[in-house]
Amino acid sequence: MATYFVALPFMILDDGTQAAGEPKEFPSAHAVKSCANTMALDERNCGAVAFSRNGDSELGEFADAVVLQRFGDTPDDLNL
């Protein structure tokens, strides 16, 4: 089992709904929080979420995601 740290940006679509952008993996909690903050400040995005997940990528088995920090405007109901 390994811990994966992921930053996920969000953007506002033309119809006003939020959509997830391209996720990016990082080696640590500190690095993922820093990048998620930078993603949220990007004018193309409305916000970003830093989260972690434990699992085994070879088996495709993962525990539920744990939100580490939210930046900017993100959906209340995240399906990570």
C-alpha atoms as a PDB file:
ATOM      1  CA  MET A   1       0.000   0.000   0.000  1.00  0.00           C
ATOM      2  CA  ALA A   2       1.232   3.463  -0.895  1.00  0.00           C
ATOM      3  CA  THR A   3      -0.083   6.954  -0.240  1.00  0.00           C
ATOM      4  CA  TYR A   4      -0.832   9.045  -3.304  1.00  0.00           C
ATOM      5  CA  PHE A   5      -1.055  12.847  -3.035  1.00  0.00           C
ATOM      6  CA  VAL A   6      -3.116  14.514  -5.753  1.00  0.00           C
ATOM      7  CA  ALA A   7      -3.994  18.110  -6.654  1.00  0.00           C
ATOM      8  CA  LEU A   8      -7.211  18.534  -8.635  1.00  0.00           C
ATOM      9  CA  PRO A   9      -8.136  21.911 -10.186  1.00  0.00           C
ATOM     10  CA  PHE A  10     -11.715  23.012 -10.907  1.00  0.00           C
ATOM     11  CA  MET A  11     -12.989  25.387 -13.556  1.00  0.00           C
ATOM     12  CA  ILE A  12     -16.346  27.018 -14.328  1.00  0.00           C
ATOM     13  CA  LEU A  13     -17.918  25.876 -17.604  1.00  0.00           C
ATOM     14  CA  ASP A  14     -19.936  28.128 -19.915  1.00  0.00           C
ATOM     15  CA  ASP A  15     -23.182  26.816 -18.391  1.00  0.00           C
ATOM     16  CA  GLY A  16     -22.008  27.846 -14.901  1.00  0.00           C
ATOM     17  CA  THR A  17     -21.273  24.358 -13.590  1.00  0.00           C
ATOM     18  CA  GLN A  18     -17.946  23.320 -12.132  1.00  0.00           C
ATOM     19  CA  ALA A  19     -15.788  20.673 -13.771  1.00  0.00           C
ATOM     20  CA  ALA A  20     -12.623  18.964 -12.636  1.00  0.00           C
ATOM     21  CA  GLY A  21      -9.440  19.602 -14.585  1.00  0.00           C
ATOM     22  CA  GLU A  22      -6.398  17.384 -15.000  1.00  0.00           C
ATOM     23  CA  PRO A  23      -5.217  15.826 -11.700  1.00  0.00           C
ATOM     24  CA  LYS A  24      -1.529  15.955 -10.837  1.00  0.00           C
ATOM     25  CA  GLU A  25       0.301  13.630  -8.434  1.00  0.00           C
ATOM     26  CA  PHE A  26       2.926  14.801  -5.902  1.00  0.00           C
ATOM     27  CA  PRO A  27       5.394  13.094  -3.538  1.00  0.00           C
ATOM     28  CA  SER A  28       4.202  14.701  -0.283  1.00  0.00           C
ATOM     29  CA  ALA A  29       1.343  16.439   1.513  1.00  0.00           C
ATOM     30  CA  HIS A  30       3.276  19.715   1.591  1.00  0.00           C
ATOM     31  CA  ALA A  31       3.966  19.636  -2.150  1.00  0.00           C
ATOM     32  CA  VAL A  32       0.374  18.794  -3.086  1.00  0.00           C
ATOM     33  CA  LYS A  33      -1.063  21.596  -0.916  1.00  0.00           C
ATOM     34  CA  SER A  34       1.351  24.110  -2.418  1.00  0.00           C
ATOM     35  CA  CYS A  35       0.475  23.103  -5.972  1.00  0.00           C
ATOM     36  CA  ALA A  36      -3.278  23.050  -5.306  1.00  0.00           C
ATOM     37  CA  ASN A  37      -2.998  26.613  -3.998  1.00  0.00           C
ATOM     38  CA  THR A  38      -1.133  27.632  -7.159  1.00  0.00           C
ATOM     39  CA  MET A  39      -3.767  25.901  -9.319  1.00  0.00           C
ATOM     40  CA  ALA A  40      -6.535  27.831  -7.548  1.00  0.00           C
ATOM     41  CA  LEU A  41      -4.772  31.123  -8.259  1.00  0.00           C
ATOM     42  CA  ASP A  42      -4.571  30.354 -11.994  1.00  0.00           C
ATOM     43  CA  GLU A  43      -7.123  32.527 -13.826  1.00  0.00           C
ATOM     44  CA  ARG A  44      -8.360  29.488 -15.782  1.00  0.00           C
ATOM     45  CA  ASN A  45      -9.464  27.791 -12.555  1.00  0.00           C
ATOM     46  CA  CYS A  46     -11.968  28.679  -9.846  1.00  0.00           C
ATOM     47  CA  GLY A  47     -10.383  26.474  -7.183  1.00  0.00           C
ATOM     48  CA  ALA A  48      -8.507  23.283  -6.388  1.00  0.00           C
ATOM     49  CA  VAL A  49      -8.441  20.439  -3.898  1.00  0.00           C
ATOM     50  CA  ALA A  50      -5.438  18.660  -2.385  1.00  0.00           C
ATOM     51  CA  PHE A  51      -6.216  15.093  -1.336  1.00  0.00           C
ATOM     52  CA  SER A  52      -4.532  11.831  -0.459  1.00  0.00           C
ATOM     53  CA  ARG A  53      -5.516   8.236  -1.030  1.00  0.00           C
ATOM     54  CA  ASN A  54      -3.957   4.990   0.154  1.00  0.00           C
ATOM     55  CA  GLY A  55      -3.934   2.072  -2.194  1.00  0.00           C
ATOM     56  CA  ASP A  56      -2.245  -0.361  -4.489  1.00  0.00           C
ATOM     57  CA  SER A  57      -2.078   0.851  -8.090  1.00  0.00           C
ATOM     58  CA  GLU A  58      -1.104  -2.597  -9.384  1.00  0.00           C
ATOM     59  CA  LEU A  59      -4.247  -4.170  -7.918  1.00  0.00           C
ATOM     60  CA  GLY A  60      -6.391  -1.092  -8.557  1.00  0.00           C
ATOM     61  CA  GLU A  61      -7.544  -1.082  -4.931  1.00  0.00           C
ATOM     62  CA  PHE A  62      -7.787   2.260  -3.138  1.00  0.00           C
ATOM     63  CA  ALA A  63      -9.209   3.535   0.141  1.00  0.00           C
ATOM     64  CA  ASP A  64     -11.502   6.551   0.205  1.00  0.00           C
ATOM     65  CA  ALA A  65      -9.804   9.865  -0.502  1.00  0.00           C
ATOM     66  CA  VAL A  66      -8.986  12.235   2.352  1.00  0.00           C
ATOM     67  CA  VAL A  67      -9.288  15.947   1.529  1.00  0.00           C
ATOM     68  CA  LEU A  68      -6.191  17.695   2.862  1.00  0.00           C
ATOM     69  CA  GLN A  69      -7.140  21.253   1.880  1.00  0.00           C
ATOM     70  CA  ARG A  70      -9.473  23.194  -0.425  1.00  0.00           C
ATOM     71  CA  PHE A  71      -8.525  26.415  -2.193  1.00  0.00           C
ATOM     72  CA  GLY A  72     -10.942  28.826  -3.867  1.00  0.00           C
ATOM     73  CA  ASP A  73     -14.348  27.695  -5.106  1.00  0.00           C
ATOM     74  CA  THR A  74     -14.756  23.908  -5.167  1.00  0.00           C
ATOM     75  CA  PRO A  75     -17.826  21.650  -5.256  1.00  0.00           C
ATOM     76  CA  ASP A  76     -19.349  20.833  -1.859  1.00  0.00           C
ATOM     77  CA  ASP A  77     -19.887  17.221  -2.896  1.00  0.00           C
ATOM     78  CA  LEU A  78     -16.596  15.843  -4.156  1.00  0.00           C
ATOM     79  CA  ASN A  79     -16.576  12.455  -5.820  1.00  0.00           C
ATOM     80  CA  LEU A  80     -12.892  11.600  -5.469  1.00  0.00           C
END
